[in-house]
Amino acid sequence: MQEASERYNIPMEVVREYESWGGMAEKDMGVEQCGDADLEALSLMMTLRGLGFTAQEIKSYMRPSPAGAAADAMRLRMLECKRVDALRAIHVQEQQLEQLDSLRHRIRAAGKA
């Protein structure tokens, strides 16, 4: 797992978290192996982390208690909530940019007077 962490630039805390859920089940001569399914799961975990999901949210997203269509509906709700949060953050940053531009304009206008 250390090799997979280094090769694919996945923090060990993410690998350990995944292992704590029962990941890395493949073993070769007693040594855990990282298979394609594991790499896909770890990649998804990294994507979710990058989107601002907490460790508990990642676990809920990847290991939902309802199955099938109910799981997909839950995942869509989670993604929609993160999307709304991202849009709110963009709005705040746009307001900050407007304020910065206003202050810059005042300084430039005062310098021309």
Protein backbone atom coordinates (compact mmCIF):
# COMPACT_ATOMS: atom_id res chain seq x y z
CA MET A 1 0.00 0.00 0.00
CA GLN A 2 2.93 2.32 0.63
CA GLU A 3 4.00 1.71 -2.97
CA ALA A 4 0.50 2.49 -4.28
CA SER A 5 0.43 5.65 -2.16
CA GLU A 6 3.73 6.83 -3.58
CA ARG A 7 3.12 5.72 -7.17
CA TYR A 8 -0.33 7.31 -7.46
CA ASN A 9 0.27 10.23 -5.08
CA ILE A 10 -2.44 9.17 -2.64
CA PRO A 11 -1.93 10.27 0.97
CA MET A 12 -1.46 7.33 3.34
CA GLU A 13 -4.32 8.62 5.52
CA VAL A 14 -6.66 8.05 2.56
CA VAL A 15 -5.23 4.55 2.01
CA ARG A 16 -5.62 3.73 5.73
CA GLU A 17 -9.18 5.05 5.72
CA TYR A 18 -10.00 2.87 2.72
CA GLU A 19 -8.40 -0.14 4.40
CA SER A 20 -10.45 0.50 7.55
CA TRP A 21 -13.59 0.03 5.44
CA GLY A 22 -12.38 -3.39 4.36
CA GLY A 23 -10.61 -2.36 1.17
CA MET A 24 -7.46 -4.05 -0.11
CA ALA A 25 -8.84 -7.53 0.26
CA GLU A 26 -6.53 -9.09 -2.35
CA LYS A 27 -3.56 -10.85 -0.87
CA ASP A 28 -0.59 -12.46 -2.54
CA MET A 29 1.51 -14.60 -0.21
CA GLY A 30 0.08 -12.77 2.80
CA VAL A 31 0.83 -9.30 1.43
CA GLU A 32 -2.04 -6.98 0.55
CA GLN A 33 -2.23 -6.08 -3.13
CA CYS A 34 -3.77 -3.02 -4.71
CA GLY A 35 -6.06 -4.07 -7.56
CA ASP A 36 -7.81 -2.01 -10.22
CA ALA A 37 -11.01 -1.79 -8.15
CA ASP A 38 -8.98 -0.50 -5.21
CA LEU A 39 -7.31 2.15 -7.37
CA GLU A 40 -10.69 3.25 -8.72
CA ALA A 41 -12.07 3.53 -5.18
CA LEU A 42 -9.01 5.46 -3.99
CA SER A 43 -9.27 7.77 -7.00
CA LEU A 44 -12.92 8.45 -6.20
CA MET A 45 -11.99 9.15 -2.58
CA MET A 46 -9.39 11.69 -3.74
CA THR A 47 -11.94 13.33 -6.06
CA LEU A 48 -14.49 13.58 -3.26
CA ARG A 49 -11.87 15.03 -0.90
CA GLY A 50 -11.00 17.61 -3.52
CA LEU A 51 -14.67 18.55 -3.71
CA GLY A 52 -14.76 19.23 0.03
CA PHE A 53 -16.35 16.02 1.27
CA THR A 54 -15.51 15.08 4.86
CA ALA A 55 -14.24 11.59 5.68
CA GLN A 56 -17.70 10.61 6.94
CA GLU A 57 -19.37 11.99 3.82
CA ILE A 58 -16.95 10.05 1.63
CA LYS A 59 -17.76 6.86 3.50
CA SER A 60 -21.50 7.52 3.18
CA TYR A 61 -21.11 8.25 -0.53
CA MET A 62 -19.03 5.17 -1.24
CA ARG A 63 -20.69 2.77 1.17
CA PRO A 64 -24.35 3.85 1.25
CA SER A 65 -26.70 2.01 3.58
CA PRO A 66 -29.57 1.95 1.07
CA ALA A 67 -28.84 0.00 -2.08
CA GLY A 68 -29.64 0.45 -5.75
CA ALA A 69 -31.75 3.41 -6.81
CA ALA A 70 -32.00 4.70 -3.23
CA ALA A 71 -28.18 4.85 -3.06
CA ASP A 72 -28.02 6.75 -6.34
CA ALA A 73 -30.66 9.21 -5.12
CA MET A 74 -28.69 9.77 -1.91
CA ARG A 75 -25.46 10.34 -3.87
CA LEU A 76 -27.22 12.83 -6.13
CA ARG A 77 -28.51 14.74 -3.08
CA MET A 78 -25.00 14.84 -1.63
CA LEU A 79 -23.57 16.12 -4.91
CA GLU A 80 -26.32 18.73 -5.22
CA CYS A 81 -25.57 20.01 -1.70
CA LYS A 82 -21.86 20.34 -2.54
CA ARG A 83 -22.79 22.11 -5.78
CA VAL A 84 -24.95 24.62 -3.90
CA ASP A 85 -22.09 25.20 -1.44
CA ALA A 86 -19.68 25.79 -4.33
CA LEU A 87 -22.07 28.27 -5.97
CA ARG A 88 -22.41 30.16 -2.68
CA ALA A 89 -18.62 30.34 -2.35
CA ILE A 90 -18.35 31.65 -5.92
CA HIS A 91 -20.95 34.31 -5.13
CA VAL A 92 -19.01 35.45 -2.06
CA GLN A 93 -15.80 35.63 -4.09
CA GLU A 94 -17.55 37.64 -6.82
CA GLN A 95 -18.71 40.12 -4.18
CA GLN A 96 -15.16 40.36 -2.85
CA LEU A 97 -13.84 41.03 -6.35
CA GLU A 98 -16.40 43.80 -6.84
CA GLN A 99 -15.31 45.41 -3.57
CA LEU A 100 -11.63 45.12 -4.51
CA ASP A 101 -12.28 46.66 -7.91
CA SER A 102 -14.24 49.49 -6.30
CA LEU A 103 -11.38 50.27 -3.92
CA ARG A 104 -8.85 50.15 -6.77
CA HIS A 105 -11.02 52.48 -8.82
CA ARG A 106 -11.23 54.98 -5.93
CA ILE A 107 -7.44 55.03 -5.54
CA ARG A 108 -6.88 55.52 -9.27
CA ALA A 109 -9.56 58.23 -9.48
CA ALA A 110 -8.05 60.07 -6.48
CA GLY A 111 -4.61 59.97 -8.10
CA LYS A 112 -5.89 61.65 -11.26
CA ALA A 113 -7.53 64.51 -9.40
